[in-house]
């Protein structure tokens, strides 16, 4: 695991965005962490740096991978504007066969852009819904998705939209599927 010097420059702002996306107040999150509101406020404003234990607890409480708080290969986004291929922040994988990375420089915008890879024969076992609006574009492979129970098969070049509906996905095919997601508000 990277050391604390490898955290992303936008760490505090990203924590604030994640906290707000989950509808936690400063008091709620500070209480969940067993920390003071003042400490959390300083972290969010970049005045204080959390240690590794704090980052692990933040990740667990905010339901994100602790890896998302760190630079990749020692690289950060350039000036908060450019994300190089080898500097994408891994989001981790909540589902076997799915790997995600942040394409946005940070989580401080009203939306985030995610690159997802779905391994052949992977699937989301239980339907999921989240309080977001999402537009997704398949750049490679095929993908099956059920939106509010309605089945759709998509191919490279197709897109779909979610507005808080329940969805479930599967890649029953022999090729990896890659999708670009634009999600508002940021949830990772």
Protein backbone atom coordinates (compact mmCIF):
# COMPACT_ATOMS: atom_id res chain seq x y z
CA UNK A 1 0.00 0.00 0.00
CA UNK A 2 1.35 3.46 -0.82
CA UNK A 3 2.53 5.68 2.04
CA UNK A 4 0.73 8.84 3.08
CA UNK A 5 2.97 11.00 0.86
CA UNK A 6 1.37 9.33 -2.16
CA UNK A 7 -2.18 10.56 -1.48
CA UNK A 8 -3.82 12.55 -4.25
CA UNK A 9 -3.53 16.33 -4.07
CA UNK A 10 -7.34 16.65 -3.99
CA UNK A 11 -7.72 14.27 -1.03
CA UNK A 12 -9.58 16.69 1.25
CA UNK A 13 -11.91 17.94 -1.48
CA UNK A 14 -12.58 14.36 -2.60
CA UNK A 15 -13.48 13.34 0.96
CA UNK A 16 -15.86 16.31 1.17
CA UNK A 17 -17.48 15.34 -2.15
CA UNK A 18 -17.90 11.73 -1.05
CA UNK A 19 -19.32 12.82 2.31
CA UNK A 20 -21.86 15.10 0.65
CA UNK A 21 -22.81 12.49 -1.98
CA UNK A 22 -23.65 10.14 0.88
CA UNK A 23 -25.61 12.87 2.65
CA UNK A 24 -23.36 12.82 5.73
CA UNK A 25 -22.93 16.04 7.67
CA UNK A 26 -19.52 16.87 9.12
CA UNK A 27 -20.89 15.79 12.50
CA UNK A 28 -22.20 12.46 11.10
CA UNK A 29 -18.89 11.51 9.51
CA UNK A 30 -16.76 12.75 12.41
CA UNK A 31 -18.89 10.69 14.82
CA UNK A 32 -18.61 7.59 12.61
CA UNK A 33 -14.83 8.02 12.58
CA UNK A 34 -14.54 8.79 16.30
CA UNK A 35 -12.86 12.09 15.39
CA UNK A 36 -13.69 15.73 16.04
CA UNK A 37 -15.58 17.90 13.57
CA UNK A 38 -12.60 20.29 13.65
CA UNK A 39 -10.18 17.55 12.58
CA UNK A 40 -12.46 16.43 9.72
CA UNK A 41 -12.97 20.03 8.61
CA UNK A 42 -9.20 20.53 8.52
CA UNK A 43 -8.77 17.34 6.46
CA UNK A 44 -11.42 18.46 3.98
CA UNK A 45 -9.75 21.88 3.64
CA UNK A 46 -6.30 20.32 3.15
CA UNK A 47 -4.97 21.70 6.45
CA UNK A 48 -4.43 18.28 8.01
CA UNK A 49 -3.51 14.89 6.53
CA UNK A 50 -5.16 11.68 7.75
CA UNK A 51 -2.91 8.73 8.61
CA UNK A 52 -3.30 5.31 7.01
CA UNK A 53 -5.68 4.10 9.73
CA UNK A 54 -7.85 7.18 9.22
CA UNK A 55 -7.87 6.61 5.45
CA UNK A 56 -8.91 2.99 5.89
CA UNK A 57 -11.71 4.03 8.23
CA UNK A 58 -12.80 6.82 5.85
CA UNK A 59 -12.85 4.37 2.94
CA UNK A 60 -14.94 1.87 4.88
CA UNK A 61 -17.38 4.50 6.14
CA UNK A 62 -17.73 6.15 2.71
CA UNK A 63 -17.90 2.75 0.95
CA UNK A 64 -14.96 3.32 -1.41
CA UNK A 65 -11.67 1.55 -1.96
CA UNK A 66 -8.82 3.01 0.08
CA UNK A 67 -6.83 2.86 -3.18
CA UNK A 68 -8.95 5.70 -4.54
CA UNK A 69 -7.20 8.08 -2.10
CA UNK A 70 -3.76 7.37 -3.59
CA UNK A 71 -1.85 8.31 -6.71
CA UNK A 72 -1.09 5.58 -9.20
CA UNK A 73 2.56 4.90 -10.03
CA UNK A 74 3.49 8.00 -8.04
CA UNK A 75 1.58 10.17 -10.54
CA UNK A 76 -1.24 12.60 -9.87
CA UNK A 77 -3.46 14.42 -12.34
CA UNK A 78 -1.63 17.28 -13.99
CA UNK A 79 -2.83 20.59 -12.54
CA UNK A 80 -6.20 18.95 -11.87
CA UNK A 81 -6.77 18.95 -15.65
CA UNK A 82 -5.14 15.91 -17.26
CA UNK A 83 -5.26 12.24 -16.25
CA UNK A 84 -2.72 10.12 -18.09
CA UNK A 85 -3.52 6.49 -18.91
CA UNK A 86 -0.97 5.20 -16.40
CA UNK A 87 -2.11 7.65 -13.68
CA UNK A 88 -5.79 6.67 -13.40
CA UNK A 89 -6.91 6.25 -9.81
CA UNK A 90 -8.18 2.73 -9.20
CA UNK A 91 -11.58 2.62 -7.62
CA UNK A 92 -11.31 -1.05 -6.89
CA UNK A 93 -13.91 -3.67 -7.51
CA UNK A 94 -17.02 -4.29 -5.52
CA UNK A 95 -18.02 -7.12 -7.84
CA UNK A 96 -15.90 -10.04 -9.05
CA UNK A 97 -14.87 -9.53 -12.65
CA UNK A 98 -15.33 -5.75 -12.64
CA UNK A 99 -12.43 -3.31 -12.38
CA UNK A 100 -12.97 0.46 -12.30
CA UNK A 101 -10.75 3.52 -12.57
CA UNK A 102 -11.46 7.22 -12.25
CA UNK A 103 -11.03 9.15 -15.51
CA UNK A 104 -11.88 12.49 -13.87
CA UNK A 105 -8.95 14.35 -12.28
CA UNK A 106 -10.78 14.33 -8.92
CA UNK A 107 -14.24 14.17 -7.36
CA UNK A 108 -14.82 17.91 -7.02
CA UNK A 109 -17.12 18.37 -10.03
CA UNK A 110 -20.87 17.81 -10.20
CA UNK A 111 -20.15 14.55 -12.04
CA UNK A 112 -17.46 11.90 -12.37
CA UNK A 113 -16.24 9.84 -15.31
CA UNK A 114 -15.39 6.18 -14.73
CA UNK A 115 -13.81 3.51 -16.92
CA UNK A 116 -15.12 0.02 -16.15
CA UNK A 117 -13.86 -3.32 -17.45
CA UNK A 118 -16.14 -6.33 -17.16
CA UNK A 119 -14.40 -9.70 -17.46
CA UNK A 120 -15.97 -12.41 -19.61
CA UNK A 121 -18.76 -14.28 -17.80
CA UNK A 122 -18.96 -11.77 -14.92
CA UNK A 123 -22.22 -10.45 -13.54
CA UNK A 124 -23.81 -8.37 -10.82
CA UNK A 125 -25.65 -10.90 -8.68
CA UNK A 126 -28.24 -8.58 -7.11
CA UNK A 127 -30.06 -5.59 -8.65
CA UNK A 128 -28.67 -2.21 -7.63
CA UNK A 129 -30.05 1.32 -7.60
CA UNK A 130 -28.38 4.55 -6.59
CA UNK A 131 -29.52 8.17 -6.36
CA UNK A 132 -27.68 9.26 -9.50
CA UNK A 133 -28.10 10.08 -13.15
CA UNK A 134 -25.75 8.09 -15.36
CA UNK A 135 -24.99 7.95 -19.06
CA UNK A 136 -22.88 5.03 -20.18
CA UNK A 137 -21.10 4.32 -23.47
CA UNK A 138 -19.76 0.91 -24.50
CA UNK A 139 -16.34 1.21 -26.07
CA UNK A 140 -15.62 -2.52 -26.41
CA UNK A 141 -17.46 -5.84 -26.26
CA UNK A 142 -21.06 -6.69 -25.50
CA UNK A 143 -23.07 -6.19 -22.33
CA UNK A 144 -26.44 -7.30 -21.03
CA UNK A 145 -28.31 -4.98 -18.68
CA UNK A 146 -31.70 -5.14 -17.01
CA UNK A 147 -33.16 -1.73 -16.20
CA UNK A 148 -36.23 -1.97 -13.95
CA UNK A 149 -36.40 -5.61 -15.02
CA UNK A 150 -36.34 -4.87 -18.77
CA UNK A 151 -33.53 -6.75 -20.57
CA UNK A 152 -31.25 -5.09 -23.13
CA UNK A 153 -28.21 -6.38 -25.02
CA UNK A 154 -25.71 -3.70 -25.97
CA UNK A 155 -22.67 -3.68 -28.24
CA UNK A 156 -19.69 -1.36 -28.73
CA UNK A 157 -20.97 2.07 -29.75
CA UNK A 158 -24.28 1.72 -27.87
CA UNK A 159 -25.16 3.81 -24.82
CA UNK A 160 -27.74 3.77 -22.05
CA UNK A 161 -29.02 6.04 -19.29
CA UNK A 162 -29.94 5.38 -15.67
CA UNK A 163 -31.96 7.75 -13.49
CA UNK A 164 -32.04 5.96 -10.19
CA UNK A 165 -33.69 2.83 -11.61
CA UNK A 166 -32.81 -0.64 -10.39
CA UNK A 167 -30.33 -2.28 -12.71
CA UNK A 168 -28.39 -5.49 -13.01
CA UNK A 169 -25.71 -6.37 -15.53
CA UNK A 170 -23.94 -9.39 -17.01
CA UNK A 171 -21.16 -10.04 -19.47
CA UNK A 172 -21.98 -13.61 -20.55
CA UNK A 173 -19.70 -13.22 -23.56
CA UNK A 174 -16.12 -14.41 -24.17
CA UNK A 175 -14.69 -10.90 -24.58
CA UNK A 176 -14.00 -8.21 -21.99
CA UNK A 177 -16.50 -5.35 -22.10
CA UNK A 178 -15.38 -1.77 -21.45
CA UNK A 179 -17.75 1.05 -20.57
CA UNK A 180 -17.32 4.75 -19.88
CA UNK A 181 -19.75 6.04 -17.21
CA UNK A 182 -20.62 9.67 -16.56
CA UNK A 183 -22.23 9.78 -13.12
CA UNK A 184 -23.84 12.69 -11.27
CA UNK A 185 -23.40 13.32 -8.45
CA UNK A 186 -20.05 11.59 -7.88
CA UNK A 187 -20.44 8.39 -5.86
CA UNK A 188 -16.92 6.99 -5.84
